[in-house]
Structure formats: structure tokens, C-alpha cells
Amino acid sequence: MGAVYFYHLTRQPLEHTLPVLLGKARQAGWRIAVRGVDPARMDWLDEKLWLGPEDGFLPHGREGGPHDKAQPILLTTGPEAANGATCVMAVDGAPVEADEVSALERVCILFDGHDPEAVQHARGQWKALTGAGCPAQYWSEESGRWEKKAEA
């Protein structure tokens, strides 16, 4: 059974935090789906990943390409990832279901701590997923470094 980790972004924006988490997930040998809700925002993330540091390049692709199945990291807006993801990183309030958490190695929910709606949405996801029995951790960078603040 997998677990869901909530990342409350308050110091570093998504485009800085996501590559770090993607690198760690790749080191664990996982195939990753980055799930968003807005295709334009996913295009923006795709560009940010391509323009990252050369020594930290993360091989990835956008959903709908001819090589989706081969992508170690697939950026998508749908619930199914063609790359056989074992880890889902949900951004911008993308939905996550409890049965997914149990079927995957890890689910990461990244949310903007400066957006009250995003914080409220993440609280609802925490309540729904932990209420369904999913193991969960809440991580905050408020102190300047990542610290686990809660576990269920």
C-alpha cells in the first residue's frame, strides 16, 4: 500500500520544488505522472523542466505524444498515465482518489501555501484520503527547511 505526502509550498514555488521531488522519485526507480488540471499550466511546467539545469535534466514528456509509454515522467491532466506511473505528483488541485494511493508507491500533493483556496482544497483532500484509510504525511517548508508536521 502506498502513501500520500502533502507538500505545503510557502518558500519555494512549484517550479523549484517539483524538480527536486521528481529527482528523488527517479532515484527511487519510480515512473512518475505529474497530474495537473490545466493543459496550459502543464505546458508551462514542461517548459520549466526543459529549461532546468543541464546537470539536473529530468527526462519527461507531455501527454499525447507518440512516446508516452516510454516517458519516465509524464505531464498529464488525466487520471490515467500511459507511462505506467508508480508515483503521482498532483499539482494545482488535481484530484486524487483513495484507491490510487493504495495502488501506487507514492502520491505527492503539492499546494501553494499563499493561495487560501489551494490550502482549503488540500485540507479537504487530507480529510478525504485519511478518512478512507490512506497513510498520509504533511510536510511544510515554513521554517526554511522541509519538516514533517503531521502523520495519519
Protein backbone atom coordinates (compact mmCIF):
# COMPACT_ATOMS: atom_id res chain seq x y z
CA MET A 1 0.00 0.00 0.00
CA GLY A 2 1.26 3.44 -0.92
CA ALA A 3 1.12 6.67 0.99
CA VAL A 4 0.19 10.25 0.22
CA TYR A 5 2.55 13.09 1.09
CA PHE A 6 1.27 16.67 1.22
CA TYR A 7 3.80 19.42 0.45
CA HIS A 8 2.77 22.89 1.65
CA LEU A 9 4.78 25.29 -0.53
CA THR A 10 5.45 28.57 1.28
CA ARG A 11 9.06 29.47 0.46
CA GLN A 12 9.87 27.93 -2.91
CA PRO A 13 7.44 27.94 -5.83
CA LEU A 14 6.26 24.82 -7.61
CA GLU A 15 8.81 25.16 -10.42
CA HIS A 16 11.63 24.87 -7.86
CA THR A 17 10.15 22.20 -5.59
CA LEU A 18 8.76 19.87 -8.25
CA PRO A 19 12.14 19.11 -9.91
CA VAL A 20 13.65 18.22 -6.52
CA LEU A 21 10.82 15.77 -5.77
CA LEU A 22 10.94 14.36 -9.30
CA GLY A 23 14.67 13.72 -8.91
CA LYS A 24 14.11 11.86 -5.65
CA ALA A 25 11.31 9.80 -7.19
CA ARG A 26 13.52 8.91 -10.16
CA GLN A 27 16.32 7.88 -7.76
CA ALA A 28 13.80 5.52 -6.13
CA GLY A 29 13.25 3.98 -9.56
CA TRP A 30 9.67 5.18 -9.92
CA ARG A 31 7.89 6.20 -13.08
CA ILE A 32 6.03 9.43 -12.41
CA ALA A 33 2.87 11.13 -13.62
CA VAL A 34 2.68 14.84 -12.86
CA ARG A 35 -1.06 15.47 -12.81
CA GLY A 36 -2.48 18.94 -13.23
CA VAL A 37 -5.84 20.40 -14.17
CA ASP A 38 -4.96 22.98 -16.84
CA PRO A 39 -3.22 22.00 -20.10
CA ALA A 40 -1.67 25.47 -20.43
CA ARG A 41 -0.20 25.21 -16.94
CA MET A 42 1.21 21.77 -17.79
CA ASP A 43 2.81 23.27 -20.90
CA TRP A 44 4.37 25.91 -18.63
CA LEU A 45 5.72 23.21 -16.28
CA ASP A 46 7.05 21.30 -19.27
CA GLU A 47 8.98 24.38 -20.36
CA LYS A 48 10.34 24.95 -16.84
CA LEU A 49 11.59 21.34 -16.70
CA TRP A 50 13.26 21.66 -20.11
CA LEU A 51 15.00 24.88 -19.05
CA GLY A 52 16.30 23.44 -15.78
CA PRO A 53 19.99 22.96 -15.06
CA GLU A 54 21.83 20.75 -17.52
CA ASP A 55 23.27 18.57 -14.76
CA GLY A 56 19.79 18.07 -13.30
CA PHE A 57 17.88 17.29 -16.51
CA LEU A 58 14.74 15.24 -15.91
CA PRO A 59 13.67 13.22 -18.95
CA HIS A 60 9.95 13.82 -19.44
CA GLY A 61 7.18 14.40 -21.92
CA ARG A 62 3.71 15.85 -22.28
CA GLU A 63 0.69 13.58 -22.50
CA GLY A 64 -0.44 12.92 -26.05
CA GLY A 65 2.96 12.35 -27.63
CA PRO A 66 3.99 9.29 -29.63
CA HIS A 67 6.25 8.01 -26.81
CA ASP A 68 4.01 8.42 -23.76
CA LYS A 69 4.57 4.83 -22.63
CA ALA A 70 8.35 5.30 -22.63
CA GLN A 71 8.39 8.53 -20.61
CA PRO A 72 9.88 8.19 -17.12
CA ILE A 73 7.99 11.39 -16.22
CA LEU A 74 4.72 12.19 -17.97
CA LEU A 75 2.91 15.50 -17.52
CA THR A 76 -0.82 14.92 -17.79
CA THR A 77 -4.24 16.32 -16.96
CA GLY A 78 -6.00 12.96 -16.95
CA PRO A 79 -6.47 10.32 -14.28
CA GLU A 80 -4.68 7.61 -16.27
CA ALA A 81 -1.00 7.87 -17.13
CA ALA A 82 0.16 6.00 -20.21
CA ASN A 83 3.67 5.58 -18.78
CA GLY A 84 2.64 3.06 -16.09
CA ALA A 85 3.36 5.53 -13.28
CA THR A 86 4.12 4.18 -9.82
CA CYS A 87 4.11 7.71 -8.38
CA VAL A 88 1.67 10.54 -9.00
CA MET A 89 2.53 14.14 -8.21
CA ALA A 90 -0.67 16.16 -8.16
CA VAL A 91 -0.40 19.92 -8.62
CA ASP A 92 -2.86 22.80 -8.76
CA GLY A 93 -5.63 20.87 -7.01
CA ALA A 94 -5.64 17.86 -9.33
CA PRO A 95 -7.90 15.10 -7.99
CA VAL A 96 -6.52 12.04 -6.21
CA GLU A 97 -8.63 9.04 -5.21
CA ALA A 98 -8.00 6.75 -2.23
CA ASP A 99 -7.84 3.63 -4.42
CA GLU A 100 -5.00 5.25 -6.39
CA VAL A 101 -2.98 5.81 -3.22
CA SER A 102 -3.19 2.14 -2.32
CA ALA A 103 -2.23 1.06 -5.86
CA LEU A 104 0.83 3.33 -6.17
CA GLU A 105 4.17 3.57 -4.40
CA ARG A 106 3.59 7.23 -3.56
CA VAL A 107 1.25 10.12 -4.22
CA CYS A 108 2.52 13.65 -3.65
CA ILE A 109 0.13 16.58 -3.42
CA LEU A 110 1.88 19.92 -3.84
CA PHE A 111 -0.08 23.04 -3.00
CA ASP A 112 0.58 26.77 -2.82
CA GLY A 113 0.53 27.95 0.77
CA HIS A 114 -0.08 31.54 -0.35
CA ASP A 115 -3.36 30.64 -2.05
CA PRO A 116 -6.20 30.23 0.50
CA GLU A 117 -8.29 28.20 -1.95
CA ALA A 118 -5.40 25.81 -2.60
CA VAL A 119 -4.85 25.37 1.14
CA GLN A 120 -8.55 24.70 1.71
CA HIS A 121 -8.64 22.21 -1.17
CA ALA A 122 -5.59 20.37 0.23
CA ARG A 123 -7.26 20.19 3.65
CA GLY A 124 -10.28 18.60 2.00
CA GLN A 125 -8.04 16.10 0.22
CA TRP A 126 -6.27 15.28 3.51
CA LYS A 127 -9.58 14.67 5.24
CA ALA A 128 -10.98 12.53 2.41
CA LEU A 129 -7.85 10.43 1.91
CA THR A 130 -7.03 9.86 5.58
CA GLY A 131 -10.72 9.20 6.22
CA ALA A 132 -10.51 6.45 3.61
CA GLY A 133 -7.59 4.90 5.49
CA CYS A 134 -4.71 6.16 3.35
CA PRO A 135 -1.43 6.66 5.22
CA ALA A 136 -0.51 10.33 4.91
CA GLN A 137 2.18 12.81 5.86
CA TYR A 138 2.06 16.59 5.84
CA TRP A 139 5.31 18.44 5.12
CA SER A 140 5.92 22.17 5.48
CA GLU A 141 8.86 24.34 4.49
CA GLU A 142 7.73 27.27 6.62
CA SER A 143 10.81 27.13 8.87
CA GLY A 144 13.17 27.29 5.89
CA ARG A 145 13.65 23.54 5.53
CA TRP A 146 11.21 20.71 4.99
CA GLU A 147 9.76 19.33 8.20
CA LYS A 148 7.11 16.67 8.75
CA LYS A 149 4.32 18.37 10.70
CA ALA A 150 1.65 15.65 10.79
CA GLU A 151 1.13 11.98 10.04
CA ALA A 152 -2.00 9.88 9.85
